[in-house]
């Protein structure tokens, strides 16, 4: 079953052009990332995965920096990242 956001994106995708999308996640987002990548690829988007590549703990700011650099440089049109929340906001 796809997450609600993916279903909404699927409906919005009709009639859209192909995009270069960069994605990243921390270890907590790793299991879902595969599903999201598969969906984006099925829509014929070009995908770059900046990590994490395993469920092992990682320093997420390093991955965010890679995603942001791809967008800033123009090598990607859009980016997305997913991370576990370490603490609740005040």
N, C-alpha and C. Protein backbone atom coordinates (compact mmCIF):
# COMPACT_ATOMS: atom_id res chain seq x y z
N UNK A 1 0.84 -1.19 0.00
CA UNK A 1 0.00 0.00 0.00
C UNK A 1 0.88 1.25 0.00
N UNK A 2 0.55 2.19 -0.85
CA UNK A 2 1.32 3.42 -0.94
C UNK A 2 0.89 4.41 0.14
N UNK A 3 1.83 5.21 0.64
CA UNK A 3 1.47 6.28 1.56
C UNK A 3 0.52 7.26 0.88
N UNK A 4 -0.31 7.92 1.67
CA UNK A 4 -1.29 8.86 1.13
C UNK A 4 -0.63 9.93 0.26
N UNK A 5 0.54 10.41 0.66
CA UNK A 5 1.23 11.45 -0.12
C UNK A 5 1.62 10.93 -1.50
N UNK A 6 2.02 9.66 -1.57
CA UNK A 6 2.40 9.08 -2.86
C UNK A 6 1.18 8.94 -3.76
N UNK A 7 0.05 8.58 -3.19
CA UNK A 7 -1.18 8.47 -3.97
C UNK A 7 -1.57 9.83 -4.52
N UNK A 8 -1.45 10.87 -3.69
CA UNK A 8 -1.77 12.23 -4.13
C UNK A 8 -0.83 12.67 -5.25
N UNK A 9 0.47 12.34 -5.11
CA UNK A 9 1.43 12.69 -6.15
C UNK A 9 1.12 11.97 -7.46
N UNK A 10 0.67 10.73 -7.35
CA UNK A 10 0.34 9.96 -8.53
C UNK A 10 -0.75 10.65 -9.34
N UNK A 11 -1.77 11.14 -8.65
CA UNK A 11 -2.84 11.86 -9.33
C UNK A 11 -2.37 13.16 -9.94
N UNK A 12 -1.46 13.84 -9.25
CA UNK A 12 -0.95 15.11 -9.74
C UNK A 12 0.03 14.91 -10.89
N UNK A 13 0.61 13.72 -11.03
CA UNK A 13 1.62 13.46 -12.03
C UNK A 13 1.08 13.46 -13.46
N UNK A 14 -0.17 13.14 -13.64
CA UNK A 14 -0.73 13.04 -14.99
C UNK A 14 -0.55 14.36 -15.73
N UNK A 15 0.06 14.27 -16.91
CA UNK A 15 0.27 15.46 -17.73
C UNK A 15 1.51 16.25 -17.38
N UNK A 16 2.31 15.78 -16.43
CA UNK A 16 3.52 16.50 -16.02
C UNK A 16 4.73 16.01 -16.80
N UNK A 17 5.75 16.84 -16.86
CA UNK A 17 6.98 16.46 -17.54
C UNK A 17 7.88 15.66 -16.59
N UNK A 18 8.84 15.00 -17.19
CA UNK A 18 9.81 14.23 -16.42
C UNK A 18 10.74 15.19 -15.68
N UNK A 19 11.05 14.86 -14.44
CA UNK A 19 11.92 15.70 -13.62
C UNK A 19 13.15 14.92 -13.17
N UNK A 20 14.18 15.66 -12.82
CA UNK A 20 15.37 15.09 -12.18
C UNK A 20 15.17 15.30 -10.68
N UNK A 21 15.04 14.20 -9.95
CA UNK A 21 14.71 14.27 -8.53
C UNK A 21 15.82 13.62 -7.73
N UNK A 22 16.26 14.29 -6.68
CA UNK A 22 17.27 13.75 -5.77
C UNK A 22 16.58 13.45 -4.44
N UNK A 23 16.92 12.32 -3.84
CA UNK A 23 16.30 11.91 -2.58
C UNK A 23 17.37 11.50 -1.58
N UNK A 24 17.00 11.58 -0.32
CA UNK A 24 17.87 11.13 0.76
C UNK A 24 17.03 10.80 1.98
N UNK A 25 17.60 10.02 2.86
CA UNK A 25 16.91 9.66 4.10
C UNK A 25 17.92 9.27 5.16
N UNK A 26 17.49 9.31 6.40
CA UNK A 26 18.32 8.72 7.44
C UNK A 26 17.92 7.25 7.57
N UNK A 27 18.47 6.57 8.55
CA UNK A 27 18.20 5.14 8.70
C UNK A 27 16.72 4.85 8.97
N UNK A 28 16.02 5.76 9.63
CA UNK A 28 14.60 5.54 9.91
C UNK A 28 13.74 5.67 8.66
N UNK A 29 14.17 6.49 7.71
CA UNK A 29 13.44 6.66 6.47
C UNK A 29 13.83 5.66 5.39
N UNK A 30 14.90 4.89 5.64
CA UNK A 30 15.41 3.95 4.65
C UNK A 30 14.36 2.94 4.16
N UNK A 31 13.57 2.31 5.02
CA UNK A 31 12.61 1.31 4.52
C UNK A 31 11.56 1.90 3.56
N UNK A 32 11.10 3.10 3.79
CA UNK A 32 10.09 3.72 2.94
C UNK A 32 10.69 4.26 1.64
N UNK A 33 11.94 4.63 1.70
CA UNK A 33 12.57 5.25 0.53
C UNK A 33 12.51 4.35 -0.70
N UNK A 34 12.68 3.06 -0.53
CA UNK A 34 12.62 2.14 -1.66
C UNK A 34 11.29 2.20 -2.39
N UNK A 35 10.20 2.27 -1.64
CA UNK A 35 8.87 2.37 -2.24
C UNK A 35 8.71 3.68 -3.01
N UNK A 36 9.19 4.76 -2.42
CA UNK A 36 9.08 6.07 -3.07
C UNK A 36 9.93 6.10 -4.35
N UNK A 37 11.15 5.56 -4.28
CA UNK A 37 12.01 5.53 -5.48
C UNK A 37 11.36 4.72 -6.59
N UNK A 38 10.80 3.59 -6.25
CA UNK A 38 10.14 2.74 -7.24
C UNK A 38 8.98 3.49 -7.92
N UNK A 39 8.20 4.19 -7.13
CA UNK A 39 7.07 4.95 -7.67
C UNK A 39 7.55 6.06 -8.61
N UNK A 40 8.54 6.82 -8.17
CA UNK A 40 9.06 7.92 -9.00
C UNK A 40 9.65 7.39 -10.31
N UNK A 41 10.36 6.28 -10.24
CA UNK A 41 10.93 5.68 -11.45
C UNK A 41 9.84 5.19 -12.39
N UNK A 42 8.73 4.68 -11.82
CA UNK A 42 7.63 4.21 -12.67
C UNK A 42 7.00 5.36 -13.45
N UNK A 43 7.16 6.57 -12.95
CA UNK A 43 6.66 7.76 -13.65
C UNK A 43 7.71 8.31 -14.61
N UNK A 44 8.82 7.60 -14.76
CA UNK A 44 9.89 7.93 -15.71
C UNK A 44 10.77 9.10 -15.29
N UNK A 45 10.71 9.49 -14.00
CA UNK A 45 11.61 10.55 -13.52
C UNK A 45 13.03 10.00 -13.42
N UNK A 46 14.01 10.88 -13.55
CA UNK A 46 15.40 10.53 -13.33
C UNK A 46 15.68 10.74 -11.85
N UNK A 47 16.19 9.71 -11.19
CA UNK A 47 16.36 9.74 -9.74
C UNK A 47 17.83 9.62 -9.37
N UNK A 48 18.26 10.42 -8.40
CA UNK A 48 19.57 10.24 -7.78
C UNK A 48 19.33 10.02 -6.30
N UNK A 49 19.88 8.96 -5.77
CA UNK A 49 19.74 8.60 -4.36
C UNK A 49 21.03 8.97 -3.63
N UNK A 50 20.95 9.89 -2.67
CA UNK A 50 22.12 10.33 -1.93
C UNK A 50 22.33 9.57 -0.62
N UNK A 51 21.53 8.54 -0.36
CA UNK A 51 21.68 7.76 0.87
C UNK A 51 20.52 8.03 1.80
N UNK A 52 20.49 7.38 2.81
CA UNK A 52 21.24 6.26 3.33
C UNK A 52 20.97 5.01 2.51
N UNK A 53 21.96 4.12 2.49
CA UNK A 53 21.84 2.93 1.67
C UNK A 53 21.66 1.66 2.50
N UNK A 54 21.63 1.81 3.81
CA UNK A 54 21.40 0.69 4.73
C UNK A 54 20.56 1.20 5.90
N UNK A 55 20.00 0.29 6.70
CA UNK A 55 19.26 0.74 7.88
C UNK A 55 20.16 1.10 9.07
N UNK A 56 21.47 1.12 8.87
CA UNK A 56 22.40 1.48 9.94
C UNK A 56 22.33 2.99 10.23
N UNK A 57 22.49 3.40 11.49
CA UNK A 57 22.44 4.83 11.83
C UNK A 57 23.45 5.65 11.03
N UNK A 58 23.03 6.84 10.62
CA UNK A 58 23.88 7.75 9.84
C UNK A 58 23.75 9.17 10.35
N UNK A 59 24.70 10.03 9.97
CA UNK A 59 24.62 11.46 10.28
C UNK A 59 23.78 12.10 9.19
N UNK A 60 22.52 12.34 9.49
CA UNK A 60 21.59 12.83 8.48
C UNK A 60 21.98 14.18 7.88
N UNK A 61 22.56 15.12 8.65
CA UNK A 61 22.94 16.40 8.01
C UNK A 61 23.87 16.23 6.82
N UNK A 62 24.72 15.20 6.84
CA UNK A 62 25.60 14.96 5.70
C UNK A 62 24.80 14.61 4.44
N UNK A 63 23.74 13.83 4.60
CA UNK A 63 22.90 13.45 3.47
C UNK A 63 22.08 14.64 2.98
N UNK A 64 21.55 15.43 3.91
CA UNK A 64 20.81 16.63 3.52
C UNK A 64 21.70 17.56 2.70
N UNK A 65 22.95 17.70 3.10
CA UNK A 65 23.88 18.57 2.37
C UNK A 65 24.07 18.07 0.93
N UNK A 66 24.15 16.75 0.74
CA UNK A 66 24.29 16.19 -0.61
C UNK A 66 23.05 16.47 -1.45
N UNK A 67 21.87 16.30 -0.85
CA UNK A 67 20.61 16.56 -1.57
C UNK A 67 20.54 18.03 -1.97
N UNK A 68 20.83 18.91 -1.01
CA UNK A 68 20.77 20.35 -1.28
C UNK A 68 21.77 20.77 -2.36
N UNK A 69 22.97 20.18 -2.34
CA UNK A 69 23.99 20.52 -3.34
C UNK A 69 23.53 20.15 -4.75
N UNK A 70 22.83 19.03 -4.89
CA UNK A 70 22.33 18.62 -6.21
C UNK A 70 21.31 19.63 -6.74
N UNK A 71 20.45 20.12 -5.86
CA UNK A 71 19.42 21.09 -6.27
C UNK A 71 20.07 22.43 -6.58
N UNK A 72 20.93 22.88 -5.69
CA UNK A 72 21.57 24.19 -5.86
C UNK A 72 22.40 24.26 -7.14
N UNK A 73 23.05 23.15 -7.48
CA UNK A 73 23.90 23.13 -8.67
C UNK A 73 23.10 23.06 -9.97
N UNK A 74 21.80 22.72 -9.86
CA UNK A 74 20.99 22.58 -11.05
C UNK A 74 20.98 21.16 -11.62
N UNK A 75 21.69 20.24 -10.95
CA UNK A 75 21.70 18.84 -11.41
C UNK A 75 20.39 18.13 -11.10
N UNK A 76 19.57 18.73 -10.22
CA UNK A 76 18.26 18.16 -9.89
C UNK A 76 17.22 19.27 -9.90
N UNK A 77 16.01 18.93 -10.35
CA UNK A 77 14.92 19.89 -10.37
C UNK A 77 14.22 19.99 -9.02
N UNK A 78 14.14 18.84 -8.34
CA UNK A 78 13.45 18.76 -7.05
C UNK A 78 14.22 17.81 -6.15
N UNK A 79 13.96 17.92 -4.85
CA UNK A 79 14.59 17.02 -3.89
C UNK A 79 13.65 16.69 -2.76
N UNK A 80 13.95 15.58 -2.12
CA UNK A 80 13.15 15.15 -0.98
C UNK A 80 14.03 14.39 -0.01
N UNK A 81 13.77 14.56 1.27
CA UNK A 81 14.46 13.77 2.27
C UNK A 81 13.51 13.42 3.39
N UNK A 82 13.85 12.35 4.06
CA UNK A 82 13.02 11.84 5.16
C UNK A 82 13.93 11.49 6.32
N UNK A 83 13.51 11.91 7.50
CA UNK A 83 14.33 11.64 8.69
C UNK A 83 13.43 11.35 9.88
N UNK A 84 13.98 10.62 10.82
CA UNK A 84 13.28 10.40 12.08
C UNK A 84 13.36 11.67 12.90
N UNK A 85 12.37 11.89 13.68
CA UNK A 85 12.37 13.09 14.54
C UNK A 85 13.05 12.74 15.85
N UNK A 86 14.12 13.44 16.15
CA UNK A 86 14.89 13.17 17.35
C UNK A 86 14.19 13.67 18.61
N UNK A 87 13.47 14.78 18.48
CA UNK A 87 12.78 15.33 19.65
C UNK A 87 11.62 16.19 19.18
N UNK A 88 10.67 16.37 20.06
CA UNK A 88 9.50 17.20 19.74
C UNK A 88 9.88 18.67 19.86
N UNK A 89 9.28 19.53 19.05
CA UNK A 89 9.55 20.96 19.18
C UNK A 89 9.05 21.48 20.52
N UNK A 90 9.64 22.57 20.99
CA UNK A 90 9.23 23.12 22.31
C UNK A 90 7.80 23.58 22.32
